[in-house]
């Protein structure tokens, strides 16, 4: 059954070793790499990176964060997050403020322009998702989403979020 699935890029499924095609984890990796590459390419065309979108999404979904808490939530290196936050702040998509009680603590929040950008980027990401999931009908996509959330929850100790 898995050998009849088209591969998202690279050699056709018929040219891939059946042993690999029988590994769901292999297929997830290949499909994920392809989807991530497509989204990264489209974001790069706008001068953005995947982490830019991730930071905006976290701030829009969960509200303002201390920068170090955002590092933990997203699993990003602190120096990398500082660069992302600097770039997003310079473009007016986030605001960074020092905590009055602890000057070492920097809080990051999304601006109206950042929310508008995120809405655009969400549309781009959903277009890539539609391309990648084109072989599936709406019901199959809902089932896949539910299964992926269960697997993700199992990997993160029951948490569904990042």
Protein backbone atom coordinates (compact mmCIF):
# COMPACT_ATOMS: atom_id res chain seq x y z
CA UNK A 1 0.00 0.00 0.00
CA UNK A 2 2.71 2.54 0.91
CA UNK A 3 4.62 1.88 -2.29
CA UNK A 4 1.74 3.36 -4.31
CA UNK A 5 2.04 6.73 -2.52
CA UNK A 6 3.68 9.41 -4.63
CA UNK A 7 6.79 10.88 -3.06
CA UNK A 8 6.70 14.65 -2.62
CA UNK A 9 10.06 15.17 -4.31
CA UNK A 10 13.05 13.19 -5.43
CA UNK A 11 12.75 9.76 -6.97
CA UNK A 12 9.29 8.31 -7.66
CA UNK A 13 7.98 5.89 -5.04
CA UNK A 14 8.59 2.98 -7.42
CA UNK A 15 12.32 3.79 -7.36
CA UNK A 16 12.52 3.91 -3.56
CA UNK A 17 13.41 0.84 -1.53
CA UNK A 18 10.16 -0.79 -0.31
CA UNK A 19 11.83 -1.29 3.07
CA UNK A 20 11.98 2.49 3.51
CA UNK A 21 8.50 3.05 2.11
CA UNK A 22 7.15 0.68 4.78
CA UNK A 23 8.51 2.97 7.52
CA UNK A 24 5.99 5.64 8.47
CA UNK A 25 8.77 7.61 10.13
CA UNK A 26 10.71 7.66 6.86
CA UNK A 27 7.67 8.92 4.96
CA UNK A 28 6.97 11.56 7.62
CA UNK A 29 10.55 12.73 7.36
CA UNK A 30 10.48 12.96 3.54
CA UNK A 31 7.13 14.70 3.43
CA UNK A 32 8.10 17.06 6.27
CA UNK A 33 11.38 17.97 4.61
CA UNK A 34 9.57 18.73 1.35
CA UNK A 35 6.84 20.81 3.01
CA UNK A 36 9.37 22.71 5.12
CA UNK A 37 11.51 23.41 2.07
CA UNK A 38 8.56 24.73 0.09
CA UNK A 39 7.43 26.99 2.92
CA UNK A 40 10.97 28.21 3.61
CA UNK A 41 11.39 29.07 -0.07
CA UNK A 42 8.18 31.11 -0.12
CA UNK A 43 9.06 32.90 3.10
CA UNK A 44 12.56 33.64 1.80
CA UNK A 45 10.95 35.32 -1.19
CA UNK A 46 9.52 37.79 1.35
CA UNK A 47 12.80 38.13 3.23
CA UNK A 48 11.54 35.95 6.10
CA UNK A 49 12.46 32.66 7.72
CA UNK A 50 10.49 29.87 9.36
CA UNK A 51 11.56 31.06 12.82
CA UNK A 52 10.09 34.49 12.07
CA UNK A 53 6.72 32.88 11.51
CA UNK A 54 7.12 30.65 14.58
CA UNK A 55 7.88 33.61 16.85
CA UNK A 56 4.93 35.60 15.49
CA UNK A 57 2.62 32.60 15.89
CA UNK A 58 3.70 31.95 19.49
CA UNK A 59 3.22 35.58 20.44
CA UNK A 60 -0.15 35.83 18.68
CA UNK A 61 -1.41 32.56 20.15
CA UNK A 62 -0.04 32.83 23.70
CA UNK A 63 0.48 36.56 24.22
CA UNK A 64 3.59 38.48 25.29
CA UNK A 65 6.51 36.41 26.49
CA UNK A 66 9.73 37.02 28.30
CA UNK A 67 12.36 36.39 25.67
CA UNK A 68 13.86 33.50 27.66
CA UNK A 69 10.40 31.88 27.97
CA UNK A 70 9.96 32.16 24.21
CA UNK A 71 13.30 30.36 23.81
CA UNK A 72 11.95 27.46 25.89
CA UNK A 73 8.56 27.37 24.16
CA UNK A 74 10.06 27.24 20.66
CA UNK A 75 13.23 25.29 21.45
CA UNK A 76 15.36 27.97 19.83
CA UNK A 77 18.89 28.96 20.82
CA UNK A 78 18.82 32.22 22.85
CA UNK A 79 21.20 34.02 20.49
CA UNK A 80 19.16 32.92 17.47
CA UNK A 81 15.95 34.17 19.09
CA UNK A 82 17.62 37.49 19.86
CA UNK A 83 18.46 37.87 16.15
CA UNK A 84 14.91 36.95 15.09
CA UNK A 85 13.40 39.34 17.64
CA UNK A 86 15.80 42.12 16.58
CA UNK A 87 14.86 41.69 12.93
CA UNK A 88 11.11 41.50 13.65
CA UNK A 89 11.33 44.54 15.94
CA UNK A 90 13.27 46.55 13.33
CA UNK A 91 10.48 45.82 10.84
CA UNK A 92 7.77 46.77 13.34
CA UNK A 93 6.30 43.27 13.75
CA UNK A 94 7.13 42.86 17.45
CA UNK A 95 7.90 45.14 20.35
CA UNK A 96 10.59 44.41 22.91
CA UNK A 97 10.42 46.06 26.32
CA UNK A 98 12.49 45.75 29.46
CA UNK A 99 10.75 44.60 32.62
CA UNK A 100 10.69 47.50 35.09
CA UNK A 101 11.19 45.11 38.03
CA UNK A 102 14.06 43.18 36.40
CA UNK A 103 15.97 45.11 33.75
CA UNK A 104 17.62 41.87 32.53
CA UNK A 105 14.21 40.51 31.52
CA UNK A 106 13.03 41.45 28.01
CA UNK A 107 9.37 40.98 27.07
CA UNK A 108 8.36 40.46 23.45
CA UNK A 109 4.87 41.12 22.08
CA UNK A 110 3.38 41.06 18.61
CA UNK A 111 2.20 44.33 17.03
CA UNK A 112 -0.79 44.91 14.78
CA UNK A 113 1.55 44.81 11.80
CA UNK A 114 2.93 41.51 13.10
CA UNK A 115 -0.56 40.04 13.35
CA UNK A 116 -1.33 41.17 9.81
CA UNK A 117 1.91 39.62 8.55
CA UNK A 118 1.15 36.39 10.41
CA UNK A 119 -2.28 36.22 8.74
CA UNK A 120 -0.57 36.51 5.35
CA UNK A 121 2.04 33.90 6.26
CA UNK A 122 -0.66 31.55 7.53
CA UNK A 123 -2.24 31.76 4.08
CA UNK A 124 1.12 30.92 2.49
CA UNK A 125 1.61 27.98 4.86
CA UNK A 126 -1.89 26.68 4.17
CA UNK A 127 -1.28 26.91 0.42
CA UNK A 128 1.85 24.76 0.85
CA UNK A 129 -0.14 22.37 3.03
CA UNK A 130 -2.80 22.12 0.33
CA UNK A 131 -0.13 21.30 -2.27
CA UNK A 132 1.47 18.63 -0.11
CA UNK A 133 -1.84 17.08 0.95
CA UNK A 134 -3.44 17.33 -2.51
CA UNK A 135 -3.81 13.53 -2.83
CA UNK A 136 -6.07 13.50 0.26
CA UNK A 137 -9.72 14.52 0.44
CA UNK A 138 -11.05 16.69 3.29
CA UNK A 139 -12.01 13.73 5.50
CA UNK A 140 -8.61 12.08 5.04
CA UNK A 141 -6.92 15.36 5.96
CA UNK A 142 -8.96 15.59 9.18
CA UNK A 143 -8.02 12.01 10.07
CA UNK A 144 -4.36 12.67 9.29
CA UNK A 145 -4.39 15.83 11.44
CA UNK A 146 -5.91 13.93 14.34
CA UNK A 147 -3.39 11.12 14.06
CA UNK A 148 -0.46 13.52 13.83
CA UNK A 149 -1.68 15.40 16.91
CA UNK A 150 -1.87 12.09 18.82
CA UNK A 151 1.67 11.14 17.81
CA UNK A 152 2.93 14.65 18.63
CA UNK A 153 1.18 14.51 22.00
CA UNK A 154 2.83 11.18 22.72
CA UNK A 155 6.26 12.63 21.96
CA UNK A 156 5.71 15.69 24.12
CA UNK A 157 4.35 13.93 27.20
CA UNK A 158 0.71 14.55 26.32
CA UNK A 159 1.08 18.23 25.41
CA UNK A 160 -0.36 19.18 22.03
CA UNK A 161 1.42 22.57 21.79
CA UNK A 162 5.04 23.11 20.74
